[in-house]
C-alpha cells in the first residue's frame, strides 16, 4: 500500500492543482494510505482529503484517529456560548407566569394610554379642531348609527319576543300573563337594551375600526401622518369618539323600544288589552333605568372604540395580521362589554 503525501505548503491558490495531481496518481491504480507524519491539517488539506475520499472511496485509507477530525470536526462552544445556551433552556413555570404578567401589564398600560389620549384629544377638539376633518364626525355617525338601526331593531325585537314568549309560557301556568309588560320593560331598559346594542356594534363597527386602522398601519399611512406632523390618535379617533358618544344612547333607546314591542306582540297573543299593557309599561318604566342605560351604552361605546383602535395600532405583518386583529377586537370588545355590564349590575342592583 503506497503512502499518499499531501504537501504542507498547499494554499488556496494551489489547492486545485494539488488535488488534480493526487487524483491523477490514484487513477493509475493501487491502494493508498494517507501519510500522517508530516501532514499539516487545515481547512484546505481537509477539503482535499474529503474530495479524494468521495471520488476514490475504495482506494484511500484514512487513519481512524483522523477521521473524526477530518469528517466530523468537533465544535467546542466558548464559555459565554455555553452560559447563553443554559439560559435559553425552557424556563420554569414561575418564570413563564411572571413573563405573562409582565406582558399583560404592558398591554393594559398601552390600552389605558390609548383610552386617556382618546378622551383628552376629544375634549381638546371642542376648543381646537386642528387635525380633525370637517364633517368627519357626521359621516361616522351616519355609518355607526343610522346604518345600524335596522339590524339593532330587528335583533332586539327578536330577543325581546323570544324572552317574552318563554316567560309567558311559565307565567300562564300561574295566571300571570299580565306581568309580560312589566317584565319586558324592566329587562330591556335595565340590561338587554344596552347590552344587545353594544354586542351588535362591537361585531359590526368595532371590527371595522380595527381593520381600518390595522390596514393603515400595514400600509404605513400612520407613519405618514406622523411624518406630516399630524397626531394619528386625534386624526383617527376623535370623530369616531363623538360619533359613538352621540349615537349609542339613541341606538340603545331603539333597542329598548324594539324589545318592548316584541313583548307587546306576545302580550297581544295572550289577549292582554293594549291599555293594560301600556299602563303596566308606564308603571315599570323608571327614568333612572333610562339614565343608567345611557351611561352604560356610552361606556360600552368608548371601550369598543378603544379596543378596536388598540388592536389596529398593534398590527404587525400583512393581511393575515389585519384579519387576526379584527377577530381579536370583536372577542375582546364583547368580553369587556359583558364584564363592565356585570360591574354596573353589581353596583346598581345589589
Foldseek 3Di string as FASTA:
>chain_A
DAEDEDDPPDDPVCLVVSLVVSLVVCVVDAAYEYDDPPDDDDPSVLVSVVVSCVVCVPRYDYDPVCCCCSPPNDDDDDPVVVVVVVVPPDDDPVVVVVVVVVVVVVLVVVLVVLLVVLVVLLVVCVVPVPLEDPCLLVVLLCVLFVVCQVVLLVVLLVVLLVVLVVVCVVCVVVPNLLCLLLVLLCCLLQDVLLLSLLLVSLLVPLLVLLLVLLQCVQVVVCVVCVVVVRDVSSNRRNSQLVSQLPRQLVSSVSSSVSSSVSSVVVSVVVVDDPVSSVVSNVVNDDVVSSVVSSVLNSVLSSLSSSLSNSLSNPQDDDPVSSVVSSVVSSVVSSVVSVVVSVVVCVVPPD
